[in-house]
Amino acid sequence: MPFPSLGVVALVVFVLLYLGVVLPAVWSRQSHRRHAAARVLELMLDQLLIVLRVLASLLRR
């Protein structure tokens, strides 16, 4: 069985993160859940930014 392409894996991860973090941050009626989901989203985006900076610096070499 061949391994799926990197694009398919990235799409699946994006959809799962979107459903698990972004939607609760927007649609929850309970403010503590919205705040917690928004904080998790903020942490994930901060980590993504760090990874992208490292990748960009590696590509410049």
Protein backbone atom coordinates (compact mmCIF):
# COMPACT_ATOMS: atom_id res chain seq x y z
CA MET A 1 0.00 0.00 0.00
CA PRO A 2 1.63 3.28 -1.07
CA PHE A 3 1.97 6.16 1.36
CA PRO A 4 -0.35 9.10 0.54
CA SER A 5 1.22 12.25 -0.80
CA LEU A 6 2.33 15.03 1.50
CA GLY A 7 -0.48 17.26 0.19
CA VAL A 8 -3.14 14.73 1.19
CA VAL A 9 -1.63 14.33 4.65
CA ALA A 10 -1.46 18.13 5.09
CA LEU A 11 -5.09 18.48 3.98
CA VAL A 12 -6.28 15.82 6.43
CA VAL A 13 -4.33 17.42 9.29
CA PHE A 14 -5.73 20.86 8.39
CA VAL A 15 -9.33 19.58 8.32
CA LEU A 16 -8.93 17.78 11.65
CA LEU A 17 -7.40 20.82 13.31
CA TYR A 18 -10.07 23.07 11.83
CA LEU A 19 -12.87 20.87 13.11
CA GLY A 20 -11.24 20.37 16.50
CA VAL A 21 -10.01 23.88 17.26
CA VAL A 22 -11.32 26.60 14.98
CA LEU A 23 -15.00 25.67 15.02
CA PRO A 24 -15.22 25.41 18.82
CA ALA A 25 -13.46 28.77 19.09
CA VAL A 26 -16.17 30.36 16.99
CA TRP A 27 -19.37 28.43 17.67
CA SER A 28 -19.36 27.49 21.34
CA ARG A 29 -21.99 29.15 23.51
CA GLN A 30 -19.83 28.84 26.60
CA SER A 31 -17.28 31.61 26.82
CA HIS A 32 -14.66 29.53 28.65
CA ARG A 33 -14.69 26.98 25.82
CA ARG A 34 -14.33 29.74 23.23
CA HIS A 35 -11.43 31.25 25.15
CA ALA A 36 -9.73 27.87 25.61
CA ALA A 37 -10.12 26.98 21.94
CA ALA A 38 -8.88 30.42 20.90
CA ARG A 39 -5.82 29.99 23.15
CA VAL A 40 -5.05 26.58 21.67
CA LEU A 41 -5.42 28.04 18.18
CA GLU A 42 -3.05 30.87 19.11
CA LEU A 43 -0.46 28.41 20.43
CA MET A 44 -0.73 26.25 17.31
CA LEU A 45 -0.31 29.25 15.01
CA ASP A 46 2.70 30.45 17.01
CA GLN A 47 4.33 27.04 16.62
CA LEU A 48 3.49 26.98 12.91
CA LEU A 49 5.15 30.36 12.51
CA ILE A 50 8.32 29.07 14.19
CA VAL A 51 8.38 26.01 11.93
CA LEU A 52 7.86 28.12 8.82
CA ARG A 53 10.69 30.47 9.82
CA VAL A 54 13.03 27.52 10.33
CA LEU A 55 12.04 26.04 6.97
CA ALA A 56 12.53 29.39 5.25
CA SER A 57 15.99 29.78 6.77
CA LEU A 58 16.91 26.26 5.64
CA LEU A 59 15.73 26.96 2.10
CA ARG A 60 17.87 30.11 1.89
CA ARG A 61 21.07 28.13 2.47
